[in-house]
Amino acid sequence: MTSSCAPDSDPHPYIGMWVTADGHIRQELLPNGRYDEARGTRTSAYTGSYQVTSTHIAYADDSGFTASGDFRDDVLHHAGYVFHREDGKPTP
């Protein structure tokens, strides 16, 4: 499954808020292919676009850097961090 999350494409199952266990990093994957990441009290610390291919996510930050991660067992592993869904609901 490849999804650029364009408005006319089917949304992927990973859309929503992902947070670290301590709540310090909160990353929202938006249905329009954009993400917004907060760090501590700093809202929108990082913003950019993303693309999901199967269980892999590739990020392109608005500041120019790129990163990637993988979804395994409904957990997002990205840049050495582990994120869980904020609502705790498993991926459909």
C-alpha atoms as a PDB file:
ATOM      1  CA  MET A   1       0.000   0.000   0.000  1.00  0.00           C
ATOM      2  CA  THR A   2       1.477   3.315  -1.043  1.00  0.00           C
ATOM      3  CA  SER A   3      -0.257   6.482  -0.008  1.00  0.00           C
ATOM      4  CA  SER A   4       0.810  10.024  -0.612  1.00  0.00           C
ATOM      5  CA  CYS A   5      -2.284  10.995   1.350  1.00  0.00           C
ATOM      6  CA  ALA A   6      -3.541  13.252  -1.381  1.00  0.00           C
ATOM      7  CA  PRO A   7      -7.078  14.459  -0.718  1.00  0.00           C
ATOM      8  CA  ASP A   8      -8.478  12.166  -3.437  1.00  0.00           C
ATOM      9  CA  SER A   9      -6.642   9.011  -2.288  1.00  0.00           C
ATOM     10  CA  ASP A  10      -7.732   6.477   0.297  1.00  0.00           C
ATOM     11  CA  PRO A  11      -6.397   7.387   3.733  1.00  0.00           C
ATOM     12  CA  HIS A  12      -3.914   4.982   5.287  1.00  0.00           C
ATOM     13  CA  PRO A  13      -4.613   3.464   8.715  1.00  0.00           C
ATOM     14  CA  TYR A  14      -1.857   5.398  10.519  1.00  0.00           C
ATOM     15  CA  ILE A  15      -3.477   8.846  10.431  1.00  0.00           C
ATOM     16  CA  GLY A  16      -3.795  10.392  13.873  1.00  0.00           C
ATOM     17  CA  MET A  17      -1.747  11.391  16.907  1.00  0.00           C
ATOM     18  CA  TRP A  18       1.326   9.385  17.916  1.00  0.00           C
ATOM     19  CA  VAL A  19       3.104  10.102  21.217  1.00  0.00           C
ATOM     20  CA  THR A  20       6.184   8.945  23.110  1.00  0.00           C
ATOM     21  CA  ALA A  21       5.585   7.174  26.439  1.00  0.00           C
ATOM     22  CA  ASP A  22       6.536  10.299  28.396  1.00  0.00           C
ATOM     23  CA  GLY A  23       4.307  12.504  26.197  1.00  0.00           C
ATOM     24  CA  HIS A  24       7.223  14.810  25.357  1.00  0.00           C
ATOM     25  CA  ILE A  25       6.988  14.268  21.590  1.00  0.00           C
ATOM     26  CA  ARG A  26       3.578  14.337  19.901  1.00  0.00           C
ATOM     27  CA  GLN A  27       3.428  13.722  16.174  1.00  0.00           C
ATOM     28  CA  GLU A  28       0.169  14.149  14.307  1.00  0.00           C
ATOM     29  CA  LEU A  29      -0.111  12.495  10.896  1.00  0.00           C
ATOM     30  CA  LEU A  30      -2.732  14.462   9.018  1.00  0.00           C
ATOM     31  CA  PRO A  31      -4.904  13.025   6.213  1.00  0.00           C
ATOM     32  CA  ASN A  32      -3.545  15.568   3.703  1.00  0.00           C
ATOM     33  CA  GLY A  33      -0.017  14.080   3.798  1.00  0.00           C
ATOM     34  CA  ARG A  34       1.327  16.626   6.277  1.00  0.00           C
ATOM     35  CA  TYR A  35       2.610  16.110   9.797  1.00  0.00           C
ATOM     36  CA  ASP A  36       2.909  18.416  12.786  1.00  0.00           C
ATOM     37  CA  GLU A  37       5.247  17.505  15.623  1.00  0.00           C
ATOM     38  CA  ALA A  38       5.267  19.127  19.064  1.00  0.00           C
ATOM     39  CA  ARG A  39       8.176  18.778  21.503  1.00  0.00           C
ATOM     40  CA  GLY A  40       7.434  19.565  25.127  1.00  0.00           C
ATOM     41  CA  THR A  41       5.700  22.932  25.232  1.00  0.00           C
ATOM     42  CA  ARG A  42       6.925  23.850  21.741  1.00  0.00           C
ATOM     43  CA  THR A  43       3.977  23.374  19.371  1.00  0.00           C
ATOM     44  CA  SER A  44       4.713  22.787  15.687  1.00  0.00           C
ATOM     45  CA  ALA A  45       8.402  22.251  16.444  1.00  0.00           C
ATOM     46  CA  TYR A  46       8.645  20.328  13.175  1.00  0.00           C
ATOM     47  CA  THR A  47       6.251  20.318  10.251  1.00  0.00           C
ATOM     48  CA  GLY A  48       6.413  18.823   6.806  1.00  0.00           C
ATOM     49  CA  SER A  49       5.081  16.171   4.497  1.00  0.00           C
ATOM     50  CA  TYR A  50       5.159  12.399   4.708  1.00  0.00           C
ATOM     51  CA  GLN A  51       4.478   9.388   2.546  1.00  0.00           C
ATOM     52  CA  VAL A  52       3.504   5.912   3.729  1.00  0.00           C
ATOM     53  CA  THR A  53       4.466   2.811   1.749  1.00  0.00           C
ATOM     54  CA  SER A  54       3.110  -0.338   3.372  1.00  0.00           C
ATOM     55  CA  THR A  55       4.453   0.004   6.944  1.00  0.00           C
ATOM     56  CA  HIS A  56       7.276   2.446   6.118  1.00  0.00           C
ATOM     57  CA  ILE A  57       6.961   6.215   6.540  1.00  0.00           C
ATOM     58  CA  ALA A  58       9.227   8.785   4.876  1.00  0.00           C
ATOM     59  CA  TYR A  59       9.287  12.367   6.150  1.00  0.00           C
ATOM     60  CA  ALA A  60      10.354  15.567   4.374  1.00  0.00           C
ATOM     61  CA  ASP A  61      10.542  18.389   6.881  1.00  0.00           C
ATOM     62  CA  ASP A  62       9.784  21.942   5.785  1.00  0.00           C
ATOM     63  CA  SER A  63      13.298  22.951   6.916  1.00  0.00           C
ATOM     64  CA  GLY A  64      14.833  20.543   4.377  1.00  0.00           C
ATOM     65  CA  PHE A  65      15.862  17.436   6.306  1.00  0.00           C
ATOM     66  CA  THR A  66      14.458  13.985   5.658  1.00  0.00           C
ATOM     67  CA  ALA A  67      13.836  11.047   7.981  1.00  0.00           C
ATOM     68  CA  SER A  68      12.015   7.749   8.007  1.00  0.00           C
ATOM     69  CA  GLY A  69      10.414   5.223  10.294  1.00  0.00           C
ATOM     70  CA  ASP A  70       8.476   1.995  10.424  1.00  0.00           C
ATOM     71  CA  PHE A  71       5.203   0.842  11.931  1.00  0.00           C
ATOM     72  CA  ARG A  72       5.549  -2.510  13.714  1.00  0.00           C
ATOM     73  CA  ASP A  73       2.742  -4.055  15.746  1.00  0.00           C
ATOM     74  CA  ASP A  74       0.891  -0.714  15.824  1.00  0.00           C
ATOM     75  CA  VAL A  75       3.961   1.076  17.179  1.00  0.00           C
ATOM     76  CA  LEU A  76       5.822   3.782  15.233  1.00  0.00           C
ATOM     77  CA  HIS A  77       9.624   3.508  15.387  1.00  0.00           C
ATOM     78  CA  HIS A  78      11.147   6.764  14.167  1.00  0.00           C
ATOM     79  CA  ALA A  79      14.580   8.343  14.732  1.00  0.00           C
ATOM     80  CA  GLY A  80      15.328   6.248  17.807  1.00  0.00           C
ATOM     81  CA  TYR A  81      11.956   7.034  19.397  1.00  0.00           C
ATOM     82  CA  VAL A  82       8.975   4.774  20.011  1.00  0.00           C
ATOM     83  CA  PHE A  83       5.509   6.254  19.473  1.00  0.00           C
ATOM     84  CA  HIS A  84       2.132   4.828  20.431  1.00  0.00           C
ATOM     85  CA  ARG A  85      -1.299   5.974  19.335  1.00  0.00           C
ATOM     86  CA  GLU A  86      -2.611   8.674  21.612  1.00  0.00           C
ATOM     87  CA  ASP A  87      -6.040   7.040  21.796  1.00  0.00           C
ATOM     88  CA  GLY A  88      -4.581   3.585  22.369  1.00  0.00           C
ATOM     89  CA  LYS A  89      -6.812   2.112  19.654  1.00  0.00           C
ATOM     90  CA  PRO A  90      -5.151  -0.441  17.368  1.00  0.00           C
ATOM     91  CA  THR A  91      -4.799   0.175  13.667  1.00  0.00           C
ATOM     92  CA  PRO A  92      -7.846  -1.175  11.814  1.00  0.00           C
END
